[in-house]
Amino acid sequence: MSYIPQIGDIILEDSDNTGAKIVKFFMTAPTVWHHLWRKIRSNQEKVKYYHVAMIINNGFNGFTGLGDEIEQQSKVQLADWNPNHKQIIFRKIELIKEDMEDLKQEALSDLGQGYDILNCFGKFLTWLTGIKFFARYMEYPKAEICINRVAHWYKQVLNERFGVVTHSELTTHMIYKYLINCGKYKIVYKKD
């Protein structure tokens, strides 16, 4: 394996489980109306990834329980990075060591924080209506979903907005398209 994990690397993961398929379905278009139009025209976007995490330690420790990545599940937690999962990993070009350490500290300060189910409803209401207000502002304080959590860390430390007004309106598919196209990030690992 030629990839060496670095603090701040953004992991986009995929899965074939039912929950992941449902999440990816809602990311195929910004609204139900876009979804229907694209379905009629047979040009629906293919969503490849559903979950986001971030590398928290340099190097790969193997499956030691030391926690190579930090992610939002039911709460923010450390986990072992698994190179065998379907995933793509992006690295911010020219990310300096001080920013890496700041990202790590910002992320670690959120350990144990909860999952924002209210924001999931906000995103769903935006998908139904097209009104971005719901995805942007329906949220519990200090609670996030996985994509919003990583985007929040990057916003706090690097003022990175990933092309949106608020980090709460991001989806995994939106950040994937941003990272692929913006020129400030490079792919450092991919497993299909």
C-alpha atoms as a PDB file:
ATOM      1  CA  MET A   1       0.000   0.000   0.000  1.00  0.00           C
ATOM      2  CA  SER A   2       1.608   3.271  -1.079  1.00  0.00           C
ATOM      3  CA  TYR A   3      -0.871   5.543   0.728  1.00  0.00           C
ATOM      4  CA  ILE A   4       0.320   6.922   4.065  1.00  0.00           C
ATOM      5  CA  PRO A   5      -2.529   8.552   6.033  1.00  0.00           C
ATOM      6  CA  GLN A   6      -2.046  12.185   6.988  1.00  0.00           C
ATOM      7  CA  ILE A   7      -4.021  14.246   9.502  1.00  0.00           C
ATOM      8  CA  GLY A   8      -6.826  16.071   7.723  1.00  0.00           C
ATOM      9  CA  ASP A   9      -7.264  13.624   4.839  1.00  0.00           C
ATOM     10  CA  ILE A  10     -10.975  13.479   3.975  1.00  0.00           C
ATOM     11  CA  ILE A  11     -12.416   9.991   3.551  1.00  0.00           C
ATOM     12  CA  LEU A  12     -15.562   9.397   1.479  1.00  0.00           C
ATOM     13  CA  GLU A  13     -16.827   5.846   1.991  1.00  0.00           C
ATOM     14  CA  ASP A  14     -19.319   3.631   0.217  1.00  0.00           C
ATOM     15  CA  SER A  15     -21.318   0.591   1.222  1.00  0.00           C
ATOM     16  CA  ASP A  16     -23.853  -1.745  -0.314  1.00  0.00           C
ATOM     17  CA  ASN A  17     -26.076  -1.862   2.766  1.00  0.00           C
ATOM     18  CA  THR A  18     -29.690  -0.649   2.570  1.00  0.00           C
ATOM     19  CA  GLY A  19     -29.147   2.487   4.659  1.00  0.00           C
ATOM     20  CA  ALA A  20     -26.341   3.655   2.369  1.00  0.00           C
ATOM     21  CA  LYS A  21     -28.486   3.037  -0.726  1.00  0.00           C
ATOM     22  CA  ILE A  22     -31.307   5.150   0.728  1.00  0.00           C
ATOM     23  CA  VAL A  23     -28.934   7.990   1.608  1.00  0.00           C
ATOM     24  CA  LYS A  24     -27.383   7.892  -1.886  1.00  0.00           C
ATOM     25  CA  PHE A  25     -30.841   7.942  -3.498  1.00  0.00           C
ATOM     26  CA  PHE A  26     -31.633  11.289  -1.870  1.00  0.00           C
ATOM     27  CA  MET A  27     -28.326  12.714  -3.106  1.00  0.00           C
ATOM     28  CA  THR A  28     -29.022  11.989  -6.807  1.00  0.00           C
ATOM     29  CA  ALA A  29     -30.608  15.424  -7.197  1.00  0.00           C
ATOM     30  CA  PRO A  30     -31.060  18.568  -5.063  1.00  0.00           C
ATOM     31  CA  THR A  31     -34.870  18.264  -5.116  1.00  0.00           C
ATOM     32  CA  VAL A  32     -37.537  15.712  -5.928  1.00  0.00           C
ATOM     33  CA  TRP A  33     -38.404  17.813  -9.009  1.00  0.00           C
ATOM     34  CA  HIS A  34     -34.824  17.644 -10.299  1.00  0.00           C
ATOM     35  CA  HIS A  35     -34.857  13.920  -9.567  1.00  0.00           C
ATOM     36  CA  LEU A  36     -38.042  13.354 -11.592  1.00  0.00           C
ATOM     37  CA  TRP A  37     -36.821  15.518 -14.494  1.00  0.00           C
ATOM     38  CA  ARG A  38     -33.480  13.712 -14.618  1.00  0.00           C
ATOM     39  CA  LYS A  39     -35.269  10.353 -14.392  1.00  0.00           C
ATOM     40  CA  ILE A  40     -37.460  11.271 -17.383  1.00  0.00           C
ATOM     41  CA  ARG A  41     -34.419  12.437 -19.365  1.00  0.00           C
ATOM     42  CA  SER A  42     -32.312   9.427 -18.235  1.00  0.00           C
ATOM     43  CA  ASN A  43     -29.451  11.595 -16.987  1.00  0.00           C
ATOM     44  CA  GLN A  44     -29.581  10.915 -13.251  1.00  0.00           C
ATOM     45  CA  GLU A  45     -26.326  11.541 -11.390  1.00  0.00           C
ATOM     46  CA  LYS A  46     -24.594   8.485  -9.974  1.00  0.00           C
ATOM     47  CA  VAL A  47     -23.762   8.922  -6.308  1.00  0.00           C
ATOM     48  CA  LYS A  48     -20.670   6.933  -5.354  1.00  0.00           C
ATOM     49  CA  TYR A  49     -20.215   7.683  -1.636  1.00  0.00           C
ATOM     50  CA  TYR A  50     -22.479   8.151   1.358  1.00  0.00           C
ATOM     51  CA  HIS A  51     -20.283   8.626   4.469  1.00  0.00           C
ATOM     52  CA  VAL A  52     -17.493  11.068   5.403  1.00  0.00           C
ATOM     53  CA  ALA A  53     -14.713  10.765   7.979  1.00  0.00           C
ATOM     54  CA  MET A  54     -11.301  12.351   8.552  1.00  0.00           C
ATOM     55  CA  ILE A  55      -7.842  10.927   9.247  1.00  0.00           C
ATOM     56  CA  ILE A  56      -6.784  11.947  12.751  1.00  0.00           C
ATOM     57  CA  ASN A  57      -3.310  10.340  13.080  1.00  0.00           C
ATOM     58  CA  ASN A  58      -0.376  10.294  10.670  1.00  0.00           C
ATOM     59  CA  GLY A  59       0.611   6.856   9.422  1.00  0.00           C
ATOM     60  CA  PHE A  60      -1.340   3.614   9.456  1.00  0.00           C
ATOM     61  CA  ASN A  61      -1.392   1.803  12.792  1.00  0.00           C
ATOM     62  CA  GLY A  62      -3.201  -1.284  11.522  1.00  0.00           C
ATOM     63  CA  PHE A  63      -6.217  -2.576  13.398  1.00  0.00           C
ATOM     64  CA  THR A  64      -4.900  -1.661  16.833  1.00  0.00           C
ATOM     65  CA  GLY A  65      -7.835   0.248  18.265  1.00  0.00           C
ATOM     66  CA  LEU A  66      -5.703   3.406  18.401  1.00  0.00           C
ATOM     67  CA  GLY A  67      -8.069   5.216  16.035  1.00  0.00           C
ATOM     68  CA  ASP A  68      -6.687   6.414  12.716  1.00  0.00           C
ATOM     69  CA  GLU A  69      -9.888   8.237  11.764  1.00  0.00           C
ATOM     70  CA  ILE A  70     -12.550  10.296  13.464  1.00  0.00           C
ATOM     71  CA  GLU A  71     -16.144  10.101  12.322  1.00  0.00           C
ATOM     72  CA  GLN A  72     -19.701  10.950  13.243  1.00  0.00           C
ATOM     73  CA  GLN A  73     -21.778   7.874  13.926  1.00  0.00           C
ATOM     74  CA  SER A  74     -24.389   8.001  16.712  1.00  0.00           C
ATOM     75  CA  LYS A  75     -21.695  10.153  18.352  1.00  0.00           C
ATOM     76  CA  VAL A  76     -18.284  11.457  17.307  1.00  0.00           C
ATOM     77  CA  GLN A  77     -15.830   8.599  17.777  1.00  0.00           C
ATOM     78  CA  LEU A  78     -12.387   7.355  16.871  1.00  0.00           C
ATOM     79  CA  ALA A  79     -12.145   4.304  14.627  1.00  0.00           C
ATOM     80  CA  ASP A  80      -9.507   2.251  12.864  1.00  0.00           C
ATOM     81  CA  TRP A  81      -9.180   3.235   9.218  1.00  0.00           C
ATOM     82  CA  ASN A  82      -9.873   0.222   7.024  1.00  0.00           C
ATOM     83  CA  PRO A  83      -8.028   0.268   3.679  1.00  0.00           C
ATOM     84  CA  ASN A  84     -10.308  -2.510   2.390  1.00  0.00           C
ATOM     85  CA  HIS A  85     -13.551  -0.481   2.409  1.00  0.00           C
ATOM     86  CA  LYS A  86     -14.814   1.063  -0.826  1.00  0.00           C
ATOM     87  CA  GLN A  87     -13.590   4.651  -0.499  1.00  0.00           C
ATOM     88  CA  ILE A  88     -11.774   7.621  -1.926  1.00  0.00           C
ATOM     89  CA  ILE A  89      -9.477   9.839   0.134  1.00  0.00           C
ATOM     90  CA  PHE A  90      -8.655  13.458  -0.634  1.00  0.00           C
ATOM     91  CA  ARG A  91      -5.788  15.543   0.730  1.00  0.00           C
ATOM     92  CA  LYS A  92      -5.746  19.322   0.793  1.00  0.00           C
ATOM     93  CA  ILE A  93      -2.761  20.481  -1.246  1.00  0.00           C
ATOM     94  CA  GLU A  94      -0.238  22.500   0.779  1.00  0.00           C
ATOM     95  CA  LEU A  95      -1.845  21.763   4.155  1.00  0.00           C
ATOM     96  CA  ILE A  96       0.782  22.831   6.688  1.00  0.00           C
ATOM     97  CA  LYS A  97       1.637  20.965   9.880  1.00  0.00           C
ATOM     98  CA  GLU A  98       0.142  23.660  12.160  1.00  0.00           C
ATOM     99  CA  ASP A  99      -3.190  23.433  10.330  1.00  0.00           C
ATOM    100  CA  MET A 100      -3.091  19.630  10.606  1.00  0.00           C
ATOM    101  CA  GLU A 101      -2.633  19.882  14.368  1.00  0.00           C
ATOM    102  CA  ASP A 102      -5.414  22.492  14.611  1.00  0.00           C
ATOM    103  CA  LEU A 103      -7.740  20.215  12.608  1.00  0.00           C
ATOM    104  CA  LYS A 104      -6.878  17.334  14.930  1.00  0.00           C
ATOM    105  CA  GLN A 105      -7.568  19.391  18.071  1.00  0.00           C
ATOM    106  CA  GLU A 106     -10.826  20.789  16.642  1.00  0.00           C
ATOM    107  CA  ALA A 107     -11.989  17.269  15.785  1.00  0.00           C
ATOM    108  CA  LEU A 108     -10.939  15.766  19.125  1.00  0.00           C
ATOM    109  CA  SER A 109     -12.815  18.527  20.970  1.00  0.00           C
ATOM    110  CA  ASP A 110     -16.040  17.111  19.460  1.00  0.00           C
ATOM    111  CA  LEU A 111     -15.542  13.536  20.718  1.00  0.00           C
ATOM    112  CA  GLY A 112     -18.800  12.231  22.149  1.00  0.00           C
ATOM    113  CA  GLN A 113     -20.994  14.893  20.472  1.00  0.00           C
ATOM    114  CA  GLY A 114     -24.320  13.593  19.160  1.00  0.00           C
ATOM    115  CA  TYR A 115     -25.934  12.921  15.787  1.00  0.00           C
ATOM    116  CA  ASP A 116     -28.176  15.601  14.270  1.00  0.00           C
ATOM    117  CA  ILE A 117     -31.341  13.837  13.168  1.00  0.00           C
ATOM    118  CA  LEU A 118     -33.062  17.246  12.874  1.00  0.00           C
ATOM    119  CA  ASN A 119     -30.676  18.226  10.077  1.00  0.00           C
ATOM    120  CA  CYS A 120     -31.590  14.997   8.253  1.00  0.00           C
ATOM    121  CA  PHE A 121     -35.217  16.159   8.315  1.00  0.00           C
ATOM    122  CA  GLY A 122     -34.090  19.604   7.150  1.00  0.00           C
ATOM    123  CA  LYS A 123     -32.260  18.100   4.194  1.00  0.00           C
ATOM    124  CA  PHE A 124     -35.309  15.971   3.382  1.00  0.00           C
ATOM    125  CA  LEU A 125     -37.609  19.034   3.483  1.00  0.00           C
ATOM    126  CA  THR A 126     -35.203  20.889   1.190  1.00  0.00           C
ATOM    127  CA  TRP A 127     -35.251  17.903  -1.171  1.00  0.00           C
ATOM    128  CA  LEU A 128     -39.075  17.960  -1.192  1.00  0.00           C
ATOM    129  CA  THR A 129     -39.523  21.725  -1.523  1.00  0.00           C
ATOM    130  CA  GLY A 130     -36.332  23.149  -2.998  1.00  0.00           C
ATOM    131  CA  ILE A 131     -36.143  25.662  -0.137  1.00  0.00           C
ATOM    132  CA  LYS A 132     -32.529  25.635   1.122  1.00  0.00           C
ATOM    133  CA  PHE A 133     -33.519  27.240   4.429  1.00  0.00           C
ATOM    134  CA  PHE A 134     -34.437  23.833   5.881  1.00  0.00           C
ATOM    135  CA  ALA A 135     -31.059  22.197   5.180  1.00  0.00           C
ATOM    136  CA  ARG A 136     -29.139  25.307   6.234  1.00  0.00           C
ATOM    137  CA  TYR A 137     -30.826  26.116   9.520  1.00  0.00           C
ATOM    138  CA  MET A 138     -32.716  23.083  10.867  1.00  0.00           C
ATOM    139  CA  GLU A 139     -30.162  21.637  13.270  1.00  0.00           C
ATOM    140  CA  TYR A 140     -29.450  20.911  16.903  1.00  0.00           C
ATOM    141  CA  PRO A 141     -26.622  22.923  18.479  1.00  0.00           C
ATOM    142  CA  LYS A 142     -23.362  20.928  18.691  1.00  0.00           C
ATOM    143  CA  ALA A 143     -24.883  17.974  16.809  1.00  0.00           C
ATOM    144  CA  GLU A 144     -24.020  17.164  13.193  1.00  0.00           C
ATOM    145  CA  ILE A 145     -24.252  14.428  10.602  1.00  0.00           C
ATOM    146  CA  CYS A 146     -20.981  13.024   9.216  1.00  0.00           C
ATOM    147  CA  ILE A 147     -20.544  15.370   6.248  1.00  0.00           C
ATOM    148  CA  ASN A 148     -21.447  18.444   8.284  1.00  0.00           C
ATOM    149  CA  ARG A 149     -19.076  17.467  11.086  1.00  0.00           C
ATOM    150  CA  VAL A 150     -16.008  17.222   8.821  1.00  0.00           C
ATOM    151  CA  ALA A 151     -17.018  20.379   6.917  1.00  0.00           C
ATOM    152  CA  HIS A 152     -17.423  22.220  10.226  1.00  0.00           C
ATOM    153  CA  TRP A 153     -13.875  21.263  11.310  1.00  0.00           C
ATOM    154  CA  TYR A 154     -12.488  22.528   7.991  1.00  0.00           C
ATOM    155  CA  LYS A 155     -14.505  25.757   8.247  1.00  0.00           C
ATOM    156  CA  GLN A 156     -13.360  26.441  11.816  1.00  0.00           C
ATOM    157  CA  VAL A 157      -9.665  25.847  11.104  1.00  0.00           C
ATOM    158  CA  LEU A 158      -9.171  26.723   7.414  1.00  0.00           C
ATOM    159  CA  ASN A 159     -12.313  28.777   6.624  1.00  0.00           C
ATOM    160  CA  GLU A 160     -13.086  26.202   3.906  1.00  0.00           C
ATOM    161  CA  ARG A 161     -16.731  26.402   2.810  1.00  0.00           C
ATOM    162  CA  PHE A 162     -16.752  23.692   0.108  1.00  0.00           C
ATOM    163  CA  GLY A 163     -18.799  25.920  -2.221  1.00  0.00           C
ATOM    164  CA  VAL A 164     -21.877  26.415   0.003  1.00  0.00           C
ATOM    165  CA  VAL A 165     -23.264  29.126   2.295  1.00  0.00           C
ATOM    166  CA  THR A 166     -23.411  26.947   5.430  1.00  0.00           C
ATOM    167  CA  HIS A 167     -21.801  23.590   6.083  1.00  0.00           C
ATOM    168  CA  SER A 168     -25.224  22.243   7.111  1.00  0.00           C
ATOM    169  CA  GLU A 169     -26.497  22.152   3.544  1.00  0.00           C
ATOM    170  CA  LEU A 170     -23.680  19.917   2.265  1.00  0.00           C
ATOM    171  CA  THR A 171     -24.195  16.341   1.212  1.00  0.00           C
ATOM    172  CA  THR A 172     -21.489  13.739   0.637  1.00  0.00           C
ATOM    173  CA  HIS A 173     -22.128  13.950  -3.110  1.00  0.00           C
ATOM    174  CA  MET A 174     -21.780  17.747  -3.087  1.00  0.00           C
ATOM    175  CA  ILE A 175     -18.429  17.600  -1.308  1.00  0.00           C
ATOM    176  CA  TYR A 176     -17.255  14.838  -3.657  1.00  0.00           C
ATOM    177  CA  LYS A 177     -17.989  17.035  -6.690  1.00  0.00           C
ATOM    178  CA  TYR A 178     -16.313  20.009  -5.008  1.00  0.00           C
ATOM    179  CA  LEU A 179     -13.149  18.090  -4.066  1.00  0.00           C
ATOM    180  CA  ILE A 180     -12.834  16.555  -7.542  1.00  0.00           C
ATOM    181  CA  ASN A 181     -13.250  19.890  -9.359  1.00  0.00           C
ATOM    182  CA  CYS A 182     -11.852  22.716  -7.192  1.00  0.00           C
ATOM    183  CA  GLY A 183      -8.122  22.078  -7.713  1.00  0.00           C
ATOM    184  CA  LYS A 184      -7.223  22.538  -4.013  1.00  0.00           C
ATOM    185  CA  TYR A 185      -7.435  18.812  -3.185  1.00  0.00           C
ATOM    186  CA  LYS A 186      -5.883  15.712  -4.675  1.00  0.00           C
ATOM    187  CA  ILE A 187      -6.881  12.057  -4.570  1.00  0.00           C
ATOM    188  CA  VAL A 188      -4.379  10.126  -2.463  1.00  0.00           C
ATOM    189  CA  TYR A 189      -6.165   6.772  -2.148  1.00  0.00           C
ATOM    190  CA  LYS A 190      -8.989   4.974  -3.896  1.00  0.00           C
ATOM    191  CA  LYS A 191     -10.440   1.509  -3.372  1.00  0.00           C
ATOM    192  CA  ASP A 192     -13.337   0.278  -5.526  1.00  0.00           C
END
